[in-house]
Amino acid sequence: MKYPRNGQYPEQIFSFCKDILFVEQLKKSGFKHTFLIIFVDDPLFYSGNGDGIYGYFRQKKKLSGSVQKPTGRKDETIQLSGCYEVQWIPVSGDLKYTLIEASSGQQVNEGDRE
């Protein structure tokens, strides 16, 4: 579970991508179901400019394959196996969450869970 509180939007978004990679690795190591849940209460995580890495979390751009660190030396790249579409679900006010299941690469909405 992630709940970023201090801005650094491109770095935090890249960190979210690394967390998705981690749950993919858990799935590959034998876990039946692996999830990542992210809560945010800052609209800059889910709205605004959709260029670069922002598009995955602001514009529902498909997140898959190679993802490069967006700041600094840009010397870190991760490789995702799945394909994900981040959908933000409102909680209250600016607070939203997304729940990603690595096993299927699909978004899980509350109404879809049994």
N, C-alpha and C. Protein backbone atom coordinates (compact mmCIF):
# COMPACT_ATOMS: atom_id res chain seq x y z
N MET A 1 0.85 -1.16 0.00
CA MET A 1 0.00 0.00 0.00
C MET A 1 0.90 1.23 0.00
N LYS A 2 0.51 2.22 -0.80
CA LYS A 2 1.25 3.47 -0.88
C LYS A 2 0.29 4.62 -0.58
N TYR A 3 0.80 5.64 0.12
CA TYR A 3 0.03 6.86 0.37
C TYR A 3 1.02 8.02 0.43
N PRO A 4 1.48 8.49 -0.74
CA PRO A 4 2.49 9.56 -0.78
C PRO A 4 1.95 10.86 -0.22
N ARG A 5 2.80 11.58 0.51
CA ARG A 5 2.36 12.79 1.19
C ARG A 5 3.22 14.01 0.89
N ASN A 6 4.24 13.90 0.04
CA ASN A 6 5.16 15.03 -0.07
C ASN A 6 5.48 15.45 -1.51
N GLY A 7 4.51 15.38 -2.40
CA GLY A 7 4.77 15.83 -3.77
C GLY A 7 5.73 14.92 -4.51
N GLN A 8 6.74 15.51 -5.14
CA GLN A 8 7.72 14.77 -5.95
C GLN A 8 7.01 13.86 -6.94
N TYR A 9 6.10 14.43 -7.71
CA TYR A 9 5.19 13.65 -8.55
C TYR A 9 5.87 12.69 -9.51
N PRO A 10 6.83 13.12 -10.34
CA PRO A 10 7.41 12.14 -11.26
C PRO A 10 8.16 11.02 -10.53
N GLU A 11 8.84 11.35 -9.45
CA GLU A 11 9.55 10.32 -8.68
C GLU A 11 8.57 9.36 -8.02
N GLN A 12 7.50 9.89 -7.46
CA GLN A 12 6.50 9.03 -6.82
C GLN A 12 5.81 8.13 -7.84
N ILE A 13 5.51 8.67 -9.02
CA ILE A 13 4.87 7.88 -10.06
C ILE A 13 5.80 6.76 -10.52
N PHE A 14 7.09 7.05 -10.66
CA PHE A 14 8.04 6.00 -11.00
C PHE A 14 8.11 4.96 -9.87
N SER A 15 8.03 5.42 -8.64
CA SER A 15 8.01 4.51 -7.50
C SER A 15 6.78 3.60 -7.56
N PHE A 16 5.63 4.14 -7.98
CA PHE A 16 4.44 3.31 -8.16
C PHE A 16 4.72 2.21 -9.19
N CYS A 17 5.39 2.57 -10.27
CA CYS A 17 5.72 1.59 -11.32
C CYS A 17 6.62 0.49 -10.76
N LYS A 18 7.59 0.88 -9.92
CA LYS A 18 8.47 -0.12 -9.30
C LYS A 18 7.68 -1.02 -8.36
N ASP A 19 6.67 -0.47 -7.70
CA ASP A 19 5.82 -1.28 -6.83
C ASP A 19 5.00 -2.28 -7.64
N ILE A 20 4.54 -1.89 -8.81
CA ILE A 20 3.84 -2.82 -9.69
C ILE A 20 4.78 -3.95 -10.08
N LEU A 21 6.01 -3.61 -10.42
CA LEU A 21 7.01 -4.64 -10.74
C LEU A 21 7.19 -5.60 -9.56
N PHE A 22 7.23 -5.07 -8.36
CA PHE A 22 7.39 -5.90 -7.16
C PHE A 22 6.24 -6.90 -7.02
N VAL A 23 4.99 -6.44 -7.20
CA VAL A 23 3.86 -7.38 -7.07
C VAL A 23 3.86 -8.38 -8.22
N GLU A 24 4.36 -7.99 -9.40
CA GLU A 24 4.54 -8.96 -10.48
C GLU A 24 5.53 -10.05 -10.07
N GLN A 25 6.62 -9.65 -9.42
CA GLN A 25 7.63 -10.60 -8.97
C GLN A 25 7.07 -11.54 -7.91
N LEU A 26 6.23 -11.01 -7.02
CA LEU A 26 5.57 -11.86 -6.03
C LEU A 26 4.70 -12.90 -6.71
N LYS A 27 3.97 -12.48 -7.73
CA LYS A 27 3.11 -13.40 -8.48
C LYS A 27 3.95 -14.50 -9.12
N LYS A 28 5.05 -14.11 -9.75
CA LYS A 28 5.92 -15.09 -10.42
C LYS A 28 6.55 -16.06 -9.43
N SER A 29 6.73 -15.62 -8.18
CA SER A 29 7.36 -16.50 -7.18
C SER A 29 6.36 -17.45 -6.52
N GLY A 30 5.09 -17.37 -6.92
CA GLY A 30 4.14 -18.36 -6.44
C GLY A 30 2.92 -17.86 -5.71
N PHE A 31 2.83 -16.57 -5.42
CA PHE A 31 1.63 -16.06 -4.78
C PHE A 31 0.46 -16.16 -5.76
N LYS A 32 -0.70 -16.58 -5.26
CA LYS A 32 -1.86 -16.77 -6.13
C LYS A 32 -2.41 -15.43 -6.63
N HIS A 33 -2.58 -14.47 -5.73
CA HIS A 33 -3.08 -13.14 -6.09
C HIS A 33 -2.17 -12.09 -5.46
N THR A 34 -1.79 -11.10 -6.24
CA THR A 34 -0.96 -10.01 -5.71
C THR A 34 -1.57 -8.69 -6.13
N PHE A 35 -1.64 -7.76 -5.18
CA PHE A 35 -2.29 -6.48 -5.41
C PHE A 35 -1.38 -5.33 -4.96
N LEU A 36 -1.59 -4.20 -5.58
CA LEU A 36 -1.01 -2.94 -5.14
C LEU A 36 -2.16 -1.97 -5.00
N ILE A 37 -2.26 -1.33 -3.84
CA ILE A 37 -3.27 -0.30 -3.65
C ILE A 37 -2.54 1.01 -3.37
N ILE A 38 -2.97 2.06 -4.06
CA ILE A 38 -2.36 3.38 -3.91
C ILE A 38 -3.46 4.36 -3.55
N PHE A 39 -3.27 5.10 -2.48
CA PHE A 39 -4.16 6.19 -2.10
C PHE A 39 -3.44 7.50 -2.34
N VAL A 40 -4.13 8.47 -2.89
CA VAL A 40 -3.57 9.82 -3.06
C VAL A 40 -4.66 10.84 -2.75
N ASP A 41 -4.24 11.97 -2.19
CA ASP A 41 -5.19 13.05 -1.95
C ASP A 41 -4.73 14.36 -2.58
N ASP A 42 -3.79 14.24 -3.49
CA ASP A 42 -3.29 15.40 -4.22
C ASP A 42 -3.67 15.23 -5.69
N PRO A 43 -4.52 16.11 -6.23
CA PRO A 43 -4.98 15.96 -7.62
C PRO A 43 -3.86 15.89 -8.66
N LEU A 44 -2.67 16.36 -8.34
CA LEU A 44 -1.59 16.31 -9.32
C LEU A 44 -1.11 14.88 -9.59
N PHE A 45 -1.53 13.92 -8.79
CA PHE A 45 -1.22 12.53 -9.10
C PHE A 45 -2.16 11.96 -10.15
N TYR A 46 -3.38 12.48 -10.24
CA TYR A 46 -4.37 11.88 -11.15
C TYR A 46 -4.95 12.84 -12.18
N SER A 47 -4.54 14.09 -12.19
CA SER A 47 -5.03 15.03 -13.21
C SER A 47 -3.92 16.00 -13.59
N GLY A 48 -4.08 16.59 -14.77
CA GLY A 48 -3.08 17.52 -15.26
C GLY A 48 -2.44 17.02 -16.53
N ASN A 49 -1.27 17.55 -16.81
CA ASN A 49 -0.50 17.21 -18.01
C ASN A 49 -0.32 15.69 -18.12
N GLY A 50 -0.53 15.14 -19.30
CA GLY A 50 -0.41 13.70 -19.51
C GLY A 50 0.85 13.29 -20.24
N ASP A 51 1.84 14.17 -20.32
CA ASP A 51 3.08 13.84 -21.03
C ASP A 51 3.93 12.86 -20.23
N GLY A 52 4.71 12.07 -20.95
CA GLY A 52 5.67 11.16 -20.33
C GLY A 52 5.04 10.21 -19.34
N ILE A 53 5.70 10.04 -18.21
CA ILE A 53 5.26 9.10 -17.19
C ILE A 53 3.91 9.49 -16.59
N TYR A 54 3.56 10.78 -16.66
CA TYR A 54 2.29 11.23 -16.10
C TYR A 54 1.09 10.58 -16.79
N GLY A 55 1.21 10.27 -18.06
CA GLY A 55 0.10 9.72 -18.83
C GLY A 55 -0.46 8.42 -18.25
N TYR A 56 0.39 7.62 -17.62
CA TYR A 56 -0.06 6.35 -17.04
C TYR A 56 -1.02 6.56 -15.87
N PHE A 57 -0.83 7.65 -15.14
CA PHE A 57 -1.61 7.88 -13.93
C PHE A 57 -2.61 9.01 -14.08
N ARG A 58 -2.50 9.81 -15.13
CA ARG A 58 -3.43 10.93 -15.33
C ARG A 58 -4.35 10.76 -16.53
N GLN A 59 -3.94 9.99 -17.52
CA GLN A 59 -4.70 9.92 -18.77
C GLN A 59 -5.07 8.49 -19.18
N LYS A 60 -4.93 7.53 -18.26
CA LYS A 60 -5.26 6.12 -18.53
C LYS A 60 -4.46 5.52 -19.69
N LYS A 61 -3.27 6.06 -19.92
CA LYS A 61 -2.37 5.47 -20.91
C LYS A 61 -1.96 4.08 -20.42
N LYS A 62 -1.96 3.10 -21.31
CA LYS A 62 -1.60 1.73 -20.93
C LYS A 62 -0.17 1.69 -20.38
N LEU A 63 -0.02 1.10 -19.22
CA LEU A 63 1.27 0.99 -18.55
C LEU A 63 1.79 -0.43 -18.75
N SER A 64 2.85 -0.56 -19.54
CA SER A 64 3.42 -1.88 -19.80
C SER A 64 4.83 -1.71 -20.35
N GLY A 65 5.57 -2.82 -20.34
CA GLY A 65 6.89 -2.81 -20.93
C GLY A 65 7.90 -1.98 -20.16
N SER A 66 8.74 -1.28 -20.89
CA SER A 66 9.84 -0.52 -20.32
C SER A 66 9.38 0.84 -19.80
N VAL A 67 9.76 1.16 -18.55
CA VAL A 67 9.44 2.45 -17.94
C VAL A 67 10.74 3.04 -17.41
N GLN A 68 11.08 4.25 -17.87
CA GLN A 68 12.34 4.89 -17.49
C GLN A 68 12.12 5.91 -16.39
N LYS A 69 13.07 5.98 -15.47
CA LYS A 69 13.06 7.00 -14.42
C LYS A 69 12.99 8.36 -15.10
N PRO A 70 12.03 9.21 -14.71
CA PRO A 70 11.78 10.44 -15.46
C PRO A 70 12.64 11.64 -15.07
N THR A 71 13.40 11.56 -13.99
CA THR A 71 14.15 12.73 -13.54
C THR A 71 15.61 12.36 -13.28
N GLY A 72 16.40 13.38 -13.01
CA GLY A 72 17.81 13.15 -12.71
C GLY A 72 18.55 12.62 -13.92
N ARG A 73 19.39 11.63 -13.69
CA ARG A 73 20.20 11.07 -14.78
C ARG A 73 19.40 10.13 -15.68
N LYS A 74 18.19 9.81 -15.28
CA LYS A 74 17.33 8.90 -16.06
C LYS A 74 18.07 7.59 -16.35
N ASP A 75 18.79 7.11 -15.34
CA ASP A 75 19.64 5.93 -15.51
C ASP A 75 19.01 4.64 -14.99
N GLU A 76 17.73 4.69 -14.67
CA GLU A 76 17.06 3.50 -14.16
C GLU A 76 15.85 3.19 -15.03
N THR A 77 15.73 1.94 -15.44
CA THR A 77 14.60 1.49 -16.25
C THR A 77 14.09 0.19 -15.66
N ILE A 78 12.76 0.06 -15.61
CA ILE A 78 12.17 -1.20 -15.18
C ILE A 78 11.39 -1.80 -16.34
N GLN A 79 11.16 -3.09 -16.28
CA GLN A 79 10.44 -3.80 -17.33
C GLN A 79 9.24 -4.51 -16.72
N LEU A 80 8.04 -4.04 -17.06
CA LEU A 80 6.81 -4.66 -16.56
C LEU A 80 6.36 -5.76 -17.51
N SER A 81 5.87 -6.85 -16.96
CA SER A 81 5.36 -7.96 -17.77
C SER A 81 3.91 -7.76 -18.17
N GLY A 82 3.13 -7.22 -17.25
CA GLY A 82 1.71 -7.04 -17.48
C GLY A 82 1.40 -5.73 -18.18
N CYS A 83 0.13 -5.54 -18.46
CA CYS A 83 -0.36 -4.30 -19.05
C CYS A 83 -1.46 -3.78 -18.13
N TYR A 84 -1.34 -2.53 -17.71
CA TYR A 84 -2.21 -1.98 -16.69
C TYR A 84 -2.83 -0.66 -17.16
N GLU A 85 -4.05 -0.42 -16.71
CA GLU A 85 -4.70 0.87 -16.91
C GLU A 85 -5.10 1.37 -15.53
N VAL A 86 -4.49 2.45 -15.09
CA VAL A 86 -4.74 2.99 -13.76
C VAL A 86 -6.05 3.77 -13.79
N GLN A 87 -6.98 3.34 -12.96
CA GLN A 87 -8.27 4.02 -12.83
C GLN A 87 -8.41 4.48 -11.39
N TRP A 88 -8.58 5.77 -11.21
CA TRP A 88 -8.71 6.33 -9.87
C TRP A 88 -10.16 6.28 -9.43
N ILE A 89 -10.40 5.77 -8.23
CA ILE A 89 -11.74 5.63 -7.68
C ILE A 89 -11.88 6.63 -6.53
N PRO A 90 -12.90 7.52 -6.61
CA PRO A 90 -13.08 8.53 -5.56
C PRO A 90 -13.42 7.91 -4.21
N VAL A 91 -12.89 8.51 -3.15
CA VAL A 91 -13.21 8.10 -1.78
C VAL A 91 -13.96 9.23 -1.10
N SER A 92 -13.30 10.39 -0.96
CA SER A 92 -13.90 11.55 -0.32
C SER A 92 -13.07 12.77 -0.66
N GLY A 93 -13.71 13.82 -1.14
CA GLY A 93 -12.97 15.02 -1.52
C GLY A 93 -11.94 14.69 -2.59
N ASP A 94 -10.69 15.10 -2.36
CA ASP A 94 -9.61 14.82 -3.30
C ASP A 94 -9.03 13.41 -3.15
N LEU A 95 -9.40 12.70 -2.09
CA LEU A 95 -8.84 11.37 -1.84
C LEU A 95 -9.39 10.36 -2.85
N LYS A 96 -8.45 9.67 -3.53
CA LYS A 96 -8.80 8.62 -4.49
C LYS A 96 -7.85 7.45 -4.28
N TYR A 97 -8.25 6.30 -4.82
CA TYR A 97 -7.37 5.14 -4.77
C TYR A 97 -7.44 4.38 -6.08
N THR A 98 -6.42 3.57 -6.31
CA THR A 98 -6.41 2.63 -7.41
C THR A 98 -5.93 1.30 -6.85
N LEU A 99 -6.49 0.22 -7.37
CA LEU A 99 -6.13 -1.12 -6.94
C LEU A 99 -5.75 -1.91 -8.18
N ILE A 100 -4.52 -2.40 -8.20
CA ILE A 100 -4.00 -3.12 -9.36
C ILE A 100 -3.68 -4.54 -8.95
N GLU A 101 -4.20 -5.51 -9.70
CA GLU A 101 -3.88 -6.91 -9.48
C GLU A 101 -2.86 -7.33 -10.53
N ALA A 102 -1.71 -7.77 -10.09
CA ALA A 102 -0.64 -8.13 -11.02
C ALA A 102 -0.94 -9.41 -11.78
N SER A 103 -1.74 -10.29 -11.23
CA SER A 103 -1.97 -11.57 -11.89
C SER A 103 -2.66 -11.44 -13.23
N SER A 104 -3.54 -10.45 -13.36
CA SER A 104 -4.26 -10.30 -14.62
C SER A 104 -3.90 -9.02 -15.35
N GLY A 105 -3.22 -8.10 -14.65
CA GLY A 105 -2.90 -6.82 -15.26
C GLY A 105 -4.12 -5.93 -15.42
N GLN A 106 -5.19 -6.25 -14.73
CA GLN A 106 -6.42 -5.49 -14.86
C GLN A 106 -6.71 -4.74 -13.57
N GLN A 107 -7.41 -3.65 -13.72
CA GLN A 107 -7.88 -2.87 -12.60
C GLN A 107 -8.99 -3.64 -11.89
N VAL A 108 -9.01 -3.62 -10.59
CA VAL A 108 -10.06 -4.26 -9.82
C VAL A 108 -10.90 -3.17 -9.19
N ASN A 109 -12.17 -3.12 -9.53
CA ASN A 109 -13.10 -2.17 -8.93
C ASN A 109 -13.88 -2.87 -7.84
N GLU A 110 -14.32 -2.13 -6.83
CA GLU A 110 -15.03 -2.72 -5.71
C GLU A 110 -16.19 -3.59 -6.17
N GLY A 111 -16.94 -3.18 -7.17
CA GLY A 111 -18.08 -3.94 -7.64
C GLY A 111 -17.71 -5.22 -8.35
N ASP A 112 -16.46 -5.37 -8.75
CA ASP A 112 -16.01 -6.56 -9.48
C ASP A 112 -15.51 -7.66 -8.55
N ARG A 113 -15.27 -7.34 -7.29
CA ARG A 113 -14.71 -8.32 -6.37
C ARG A 113 -15.81 -9.13 -5.73
N GLU A 114 -15.55 -10.41 -5.51
CA GLU A 114 -16.54 -11.29 -4.87
C GLU A 114 -16.22 -11.47 -3.42
